[in-house]
Amino acid sequence: MASKTINPFVFLQQVRAETAKVTWPSRRETMVSAVMVIAFAVIAMLFFFSADILMGFAVEKILGLGH
């Protein structure tokens, strides 16, 4: 088992060293990813909204709840 370090300064040095190894996305990559997430969320919203309206209409017709 690895020895546990309790010194907070050593821990912060280790965190800083590990953070330096991370490959961070560019601003453009971040913006493209954010736009794609928003676009797919809107598409999903439209799909589920349409499915809900359609199923509600079908249930009303089947059960005779409509006017």
PDB file of N, CA and C in Angstrom:
ATOM      1  N   MET A   1       0.828  -1.183   0.000  1.00  0.00           N
ATOM      2  CA  MET A   1       0.000   0.000   0.000  1.00  0.00           C
ATOM      3  C   MET A   1       0.873   1.247   0.000  1.00  0.00           C
ATOM      4  N   ALA A   2       0.434   2.278  -0.707  1.00  0.00           N
ATOM      5  CA  ALA A   2       1.208   3.519  -0.766  1.00  0.00           C
ATOM      6  C   ALA A   2       1.110   4.249   0.570  1.00  0.00           C
ATOM      7  N   SER A   3       2.180   4.918   0.914  1.00  0.00           N
ATOM      8  CA  SER A   3       2.152   5.663   2.165  1.00  0.00           C
ATOM      9  C   SER A   3       1.265   6.897   1.996  1.00  0.00           C
ATOM     10  N   LYS A   4       0.548   7.219   3.054  1.00  0.00           N
ATOM     11  CA  LYS A   4      -0.362   8.358   3.005  1.00  0.00           C
ATOM     12  C   LYS A   4       0.393   9.615   3.409  1.00  0.00           C
ATOM     13  N   THR A   5       0.249  10.656   2.585  1.00  0.00           N
ATOM     14  CA  THR A   5       0.899  11.927   2.876  1.00  0.00           C
ATOM     15  C   THR A   5      -0.109  12.841   3.542  1.00  0.00           C
ATOM     16  N   ILE A   6       0.281  13.383   4.686  1.00  0.00           N
ATOM     17  CA  ILE A   6      -0.642  14.273   5.377  1.00  0.00           C
ATOM     18  C   ILE A   6      -0.212  15.724   5.274  1.00  0.00           C
ATOM     19  N   ASN A   7       0.946  15.964   4.738  1.00  0.00           N
ATOM     20  CA  ASN A   7       1.423  17.326   4.607  1.00  0.00           C
ATOM     21  C   ASN A   7       0.645  18.026   3.486  1.00  0.00           C
ATOM     22  N   PRO A   8      -0.112  19.098   3.797  1.00  0.00           N
ATOM     23  CA  PRO A   8      -0.905  19.763   2.764  1.00  0.00           C
ATOM     24  C   PRO A   8      -0.058  20.418   1.670  1.00  0.00           C
ATOM     25  N   PHE A   9       1.146  20.824   1.991  1.00  0.00           N
ATOM     26  CA  PHE A   9       2.009  21.457   0.993  1.00  0.00           C
ATOM     27  C   PHE A   9       2.469  20.441  -0.042  1.00  0.00           C
ATOM     28  N   VAL A  10       2.795  19.247   0.400  1.00  0.00           N
ATOM     29  CA  VAL A  10       3.180  18.176  -0.525  1.00  0.00           C
ATOM     30  C   VAL A  10       1.988  17.807  -1.396  1.00  0.00           C
ATOM     31  N   PHE A  11       0.820  17.729  -0.774  1.00  0.00           N
ATOM     32  CA  PHE A  11      -0.390  17.417  -1.531  1.00  0.00           C
ATOM     33  C   PHE A  11      -0.627  18.462  -2.613  1.00  0.00           C
ATOM     34  N   LEU A  12      -0.526  19.743  -2.276  1.00  0.00           N
ATOM     35  CA  LEU A  12      -0.747  20.799  -3.263  1.00  0.00           C
ATOM     36  C   LEU A  12       0.291  20.750  -4.378  1.00  0.00           C
ATOM     37  N   GLN A  13       1.533  20.392  -4.054  1.00  0.00           N
ATOM     38  CA  GLN A  13       2.563  20.237  -5.081  1.00  0.00           C
ATOM     39  C   GLN A  13       2.205  19.092  -6.022  1.00  0.00           C
ATOM     40  N   GLN A  14       1.702  18.002  -5.467  1.00  0.00           N
ATOM     41  CA  GLN A  14       1.300  16.858  -6.290  1.00  0.00           C
ATOM     42  C   GLN A  14       0.115  17.215  -7.177  1.00  0.00           C
ATOM     43  N   VAL A  15      -0.834  17.949  -6.638  1.00  0.00           N
ATOM     44  CA  VAL A  15      -1.998  18.378  -7.426  1.00  0.00           C
ATOM     45  C   VAL A  15      -1.542  19.269  -8.569  1.00  0.00           C
ATOM     46  N   ARG A  16      -0.648  20.184  -8.280  1.00  0.00           N
ATOM     47  CA  ARG A  16      -0.140  21.091  -9.318  1.00  0.00           C
ATOM     48  C   ARG A  16       0.608  20.315 -10.408  1.00  0.00           C
ATOM     49  N   ALA A  17       1.392  19.315 -10.009  1.00  0.00           N
ATOM     50  CA  ALA A  17       2.129  18.507 -10.975  1.00  0.00           C
ATOM     51  C   ALA A  17       1.173  17.707 -11.852  1.00  0.00           C
ATOM     52  N   GLU A  18       0.125  17.146 -11.259  1.00  0.00           N
ATOM     53  CA  GLU A  18      -0.851  16.374 -12.045  1.00  0.00           C
ATOM     54  C   GLU A  18      -1.656  17.285 -12.965  1.00  0.00           C
ATOM     55  N   THR A  19      -1.995  18.470 -12.486  1.00  0.00           N
ATOM     56  CA  THR A  19      -2.744  19.421 -13.312  1.00  0.00           C
ATOM     57  C   THR A  19      -1.928  19.852 -14.523  1.00  0.00           C
ATOM     58  N   ALA A  20      -0.622  19.940 -14.368  1.00  0.00           N
ATOM     59  CA  ALA A  20       0.238  20.329 -15.484  1.00  0.00           C
ATOM     60  C   ALA A  20       0.255  19.258 -16.574  1.00  0.00           C
ATOM     61  N   LYS A  21      -0.059  18.015 -16.231  1.00  0.00           N
ATOM     62  CA  LYS A  21      -0.066  16.917 -17.202  1.00  0.00           C
ATOM     63  C   LYS A  21      -1.339  16.876 -18.040  1.00  0.00           C
ATOM     64  N   VAL A  22      -2.375  17.584 -17.594  1.00  0.00           N
ATOM     65  CA  VAL A  22      -3.664  17.542 -18.266  1.00  0.00           C
ATOM     66  C   VAL A  22      -3.578  18.286 -19.592  1.00  0.00           C
ATOM     67  N   THR A  23      -4.179  17.694 -20.637  1.00  0.00           N
ATOM     68  CA  THR A  23      -4.275  18.368 -21.926  1.00  0.00           C
ATOM     69  C   THR A  23      -5.601  19.109 -21.949  1.00  0.00           C
ATOM     70  N   TRP A  24      -5.548  20.405 -21.787  1.00  0.00           N
ATOM     71  CA  TRP A  24      -6.753  21.208 -21.707  1.00  0.00           C
ATOM     72  C   TRP A  24      -7.259  21.526 -23.112  1.00  0.00           C
ATOM     73  N   PRO A  25      -8.586  21.530 -23.306  1.00  0.00           N
ATOM     74  CA  PRO A  25      -9.119  21.883 -24.632  1.00  0.00           C
ATOM     75  C   PRO A  25      -8.928  23.366 -24.908  1.00  0.00           C
ATOM     76  N   SER A  26      -8.854  23.683 -26.201  1.00  0.00           N
ATOM     77  CA  SER A  26      -8.722  25.089 -26.571  1.00  0.00           C
ATOM     78  C   SER A  26     -10.071  25.783 -26.389  1.00  0.00           C
ATOM     79  N   ARG A  27     -10.042  27.093 -26.471  1.00  0.00           N
ATOM     80  CA  ARG A  27     -11.285  27.854 -26.352  1.00  0.00           C
ATOM     81  C   ARG A  27     -12.256  27.464 -27.460  1.00  0.00           C
ATOM     82  N   ARG A  28     -11.736  27.257 -28.664  1.00  0.00           N
ATOM     83  CA  ARG A  28     -12.590  26.880 -29.801  1.00  0.00           C
ATOM     84  C   ARG A  28     -13.219  25.505 -29.576  1.00  0.00           C
ATOM     85  N   GLU A  29     -12.427  24.541 -29.108  1.00  0.00           N
ATOM     86  CA  GLU A  29     -12.957  23.200 -28.830  1.00  0.00           C
ATOM     87  C   GLU A  29     -14.049  23.250 -27.756  1.00  0.00           C
ATOM     88  N   THR A  30     -13.839  24.079 -26.753  1.00  0.00           N
ATOM     89  CA  THR A  30     -14.824  24.217 -25.687  1.00  0.00           C
ATOM     90  C   THR A  30     -16.117  24.815 -26.222  1.00  0.00           C
ATOM     91  N   MET A  31     -16.007  25.832 -27.069  1.00  0.00           N
ATOM     92  CA  MET A  31     -17.196  26.468 -27.635  1.00  0.00           C
ATOM     93  C   MET A  31     -17.947  25.509 -28.558  1.00  0.00           C
ATOM     94  N   VAL A  32     -17.223  24.761 -29.399  1.00  0.00           N
ATOM     95  CA  VAL A  32     -17.866  23.803 -30.297  1.00  0.00           C
ATOM     96  C   VAL A  32     -18.592  22.735 -29.487  1.00  0.00           C
ATOM     97  N   SER A  33     -17.956  22.238 -28.450  1.00  0.00           N
ATOM     98  CA  SER A  33     -18.587  21.222 -27.599  1.00  0.00           C
ATOM     99  C   SER A  33     -19.833  21.777 -26.918  1.00  0.00           C
ATOM    100  N   ALA A  34     -19.758  22.999 -26.414  1.00  0.00           N
ATOM    101  CA  ALA A  34     -20.906  23.614 -25.734  1.00  0.00           C
ATOM    102  C   ALA A  34     -22.065  23.798 -26.711  1.00  0.00           C
ATOM    103  N   VAL A  35     -21.776  24.251 -27.921  1.00  0.00           N
ATOM    104  CA  VAL A  35     -22.828  24.441 -28.925  1.00  0.00           C
ATOM    105  C   VAL A  35     -23.461  23.103 -29.293  1.00  0.00           C
ATOM    106  N   MET A  36     -22.653  22.061 -29.427  1.00  0.00           N
ATOM    107  CA  MET A  36     -23.189  20.737 -29.761  1.00  0.00           C
ATOM    108  C   MET A  36     -24.092  20.211 -28.640  1.00  0.00           C
ATOM    109  N   VAL A  37     -23.692  20.396 -27.400  1.00  0.00           N
ATOM    110  CA  VAL A  37     -24.509  19.951 -26.266  1.00  0.00           C
ATOM    111  C   VAL A  37     -25.845  20.687 -26.263  1.00  0.00           C
ATOM    112  N   ILE A  38     -25.814  21.992 -26.466  1.00  0.00           N
ATOM    113  CA  ILE A  38     -27.049  22.781 -26.490  1.00  0.00           C
ATOM    114  C   ILE A  38     -27.926  22.356 -27.660  1.00  0.00           C
ATOM    115  N   ALA A  39     -27.326  22.142 -28.846  1.00  0.00           N
ATOM    116  CA  ALA A  39     -28.095  21.737 -30.020  1.00  0.00           C
ATOM    117  C   ALA A  39     -28.775  20.385 -29.793  1.00  0.00           C
ATOM    118  N   PHE A  40     -28.044  19.417 -29.270  1.00  0.00           N
ATOM    119  CA  PHE A  40     -28.638  18.107 -29.021  1.00  0.00           C
ATOM    120  C   PHE A  40     -29.694  18.163 -27.917  1.00  0.00           C
ATOM    121  N   ALA A  41     -29.510  19.032 -26.933  1.00  0.00           N
ATOM    122  CA  ALA A  41     -30.521  19.196 -25.892  1.00  0.00           C
ATOM    123  C   ALA A  41     -31.806  19.768 -26.483  1.00  0.00           C
ATOM    124  N   VAL A  42     -31.683  20.720 -27.402  1.00  0.00           N
ATOM    125  CA  VAL A  42     -32.861  21.298 -28.054  1.00  0.00           C
ATOM    126  C   VAL A  42     -33.550  20.246 -28.921  1.00  0.00           C
ATOM    127  N   ILE A  43     -32.765  19.459 -29.655  1.00  0.00           N
ATOM    128  CA  ILE A  43     -33.342  18.391 -30.490  1.00  0.00           C
ATOM    129  C   ILE A  43     -34.088  17.383 -29.611  1.00  0.00           C
ATOM    130  N   ALA A  44     -33.491  16.982 -28.500  1.00  0.00           N
ATOM    131  CA  ALA A  44     -34.140  16.043 -27.583  1.00  0.00           C
ATOM    132  C   ALA A  44     -35.417  16.651 -27.007  1.00  0.00           C
ATOM    133  N   MET A  45     -35.357  17.940 -26.656  1.00  0.00           N
ATOM    134  CA  MET A  45     -36.534  18.613 -26.122  1.00  0.00           C
ATOM    135  C   MET A  45     -37.666  18.608 -27.142  1.00  0.00           C
ATOM    136  N   LEU A  46     -37.367  18.941 -28.377  1.00  0.00           N
ATOM    137  CA  LEU A  46     -38.396  18.949 -29.422  1.00  0.00           C
ATOM    138  C   LEU A  46     -38.973  17.551 -29.645  1.00  0.00           C
ATOM    139  N   PHE A  47     -38.118  16.538 -29.646  1.00  0.00           N
ATOM    140  CA  PHE A  47     -38.584  15.168 -29.835  1.00  0.00           C
ATOM    141  C   PHE A  47     -39.536  14.748 -28.718  1.00  0.00           C
ATOM    142  N   PHE A  48     -39.114  14.945 -27.479  1.00  0.00           N
ATOM    143  CA  PHE A  48     -39.944  14.508 -26.351  1.00  0.00           C
ATOM    144  C   PHE A  48     -41.215  15.352 -26.226  1.00  0.00           C
ATOM    145  N   PHE A  49     -41.145  16.628 -26.545  1.00  0.00           N
ATOM    146  CA  PHE A  49     -42.335  17.469 -26.536  1.00  0.00           C
ATOM    147  C   PHE A  49     -43.334  16.975 -27.575  1.00  0.00           C
ATOM    148  N   SER A  50     -42.844  16.695 -28.784  1.00  0.00           N
ATOM    149  CA  SER A  50     -43.716  16.194 -29.850  1.00  0.00           C
ATOM    150  C   SER A  50     -44.307  14.836 -29.482  1.00  0.00           C
ATOM    151  N   ALA A  51     -43.488  13.948 -28.945  1.00  0.00           N
ATOM    152  CA  ALA A  51     -43.975  12.630 -28.545  1.00  0.00           C
ATOM    153  C   ALA A  51     -45.034  12.759 -27.453  1.00  0.00           C
ATOM    154  N   ASP A  52     -44.835  13.665 -26.516  1.00  0.00           N
ATOM    155  CA  ASP A  52     -45.803  13.872 -25.439  1.00  0.00           C
ATOM    156  C   ASP A  52     -47.134  14.383 -25.991  1.00  0.00           C
ATOM    157  N   ILE A  53     -47.073  15.355 -26.887  1.00  0.00           N
ATOM    158  CA  ILE A  53     -48.293  15.904 -27.481  1.00  0.00           C
ATOM    159  C   ILE A  53     -49.020  14.822 -28.280  1.00  0.00           C
ATOM    160  N   LEU A  54     -48.276  14.070 -29.072  1.00  0.00           N
ATOM    161  CA  LEU A  54     -48.874  13.018 -29.898  1.00  0.00           C
ATOM    162  C   LEU A  54     -49.512  11.926 -29.034  1.00  0.00           C
ATOM    163  N   MET A  55     -48.815  11.472 -28.009  1.00  0.00           N
ATOM    164  CA  MET A  55     -49.374  10.433 -27.138  1.00  0.00           C
ATOM    165  C   MET A  55     -50.570  10.949 -26.349  1.00  0.00           C
ATOM    166  N   GLY A  56     -50.524  12.203 -25.918  1.00  0.00           N
ATOM    167  CA  GLY A  56     -51.662  12.788 -25.220  1.00  0.00           C
ATOM    168  C   GLY A  56     -52.885  12.849 -26.127  1.00  0.00           C
ATOM    169  N   PHE A  57     -52.665  13.244 -27.369  1.00  0.00           N
ATOM    170  CA  PHE A  57     -53.756  13.289 -28.351  1.00  0.00           C
ATOM    171  C   PHE A  57     -54.329  11.890 -28.575  1.00  0.00           C
ATOM    172  N   ALA A  58     -53.458  10.884 -28.734  1.00  0.00           N
ATOM    173  CA  ALA A  58     -53.906   9.518 -28.961  1.00  0.00           C
ATOM    174  C   ALA A  58     -54.695   8.981 -27.775  1.00  0.00           C
ATOM    175  N   VAL A  59     -54.247   9.251 -26.560  1.00  0.00           N
ATOM    176  CA  VAL A  59     -54.948   8.783 -25.355  1.00  0.00           C
ATOM    177  C   VAL A  59     -56.323   9.435 -25.261  1.00  0.00           C
ATOM    178  N   GLU A  60     -56.391  10.740 -25.562  1.00  0.00           N
ATOM    179  CA  GLU A  60     -57.690  11.425 -25.539  1.00  0.00           C
ATOM    180  C   GLU A  60     -58.656  10.810 -26.545  1.00  0.00           C
ATOM    181  N   LYS A  61     -58.168  10.497 -27.737  1.00  0.00           N
ATOM    182  CA  LYS A  61     -59.014   9.906 -28.764  1.00  0.00           C
ATOM    183  C   LYS A  61     -59.445   8.487 -28.373  1.00  0.00           C
ATOM    184  N   ILE A  62     -58.513   7.711 -27.842  1.00  0.00           N
ATOM    185  CA  ILE A  62     -58.821   6.328 -27.477  1.00  0.00           C
ATOM    186  C   ILE A  62     -59.822   6.281 -26.329  1.00  0.00           C
ATOM    187  N   LEU A  63     -59.653   7.133 -25.340  1.00  0.00           N
ATOM    188  CA  LEU A  63     -60.531   7.112 -24.168  1.00  0.00           C
ATOM    189  C   LEU A  63     -61.764   7.996 -24.344  1.00  0.00           C
ATOM    190  N   GLY A  64     -61.826   8.714 -25.437  1.00  0.00           N
ATOM    191  CA  GLY A  64     -62.980   9.583 -25.689  1.00  0.00           C
ATOM    192  C   GLY A  64     -63.065  10.760 -24.753  1.00  0.00           C
ATOM    193  N   LEU A  65     -61.922  11.285 -24.358  1.00  0.00           N
ATOM    194  CA  LEU A  65     -61.896  12.408 -23.411  1.00  0.00           C
ATOM    195  C   LEU A  65     -61.994  13.763 -24.115  1.00  0.00           C
ATOM    196  N   GLY A  66     -61.776  13.770 -25.432  1.00  0.00           N
ATOM    197  CA  GLY A  66     -61.798  15.027 -26.181  1.00  0.00           C
ATOM    198  C   GLY A  66     -63.201  15.523 -26.410  1.00  0.00           C
ATOM    199  N   HIS A  67     -63.339  16.713 -26.941  1.00  0.00           N
ATOM    200  CA  HIS A  67     -64.654  17.307 -27.210  1.00  0.00           C
ATOM    201  C   HIS A  67     -65.300  16.632 -28.382  1.00  0.00           C
TER     202      HIS A  67
END
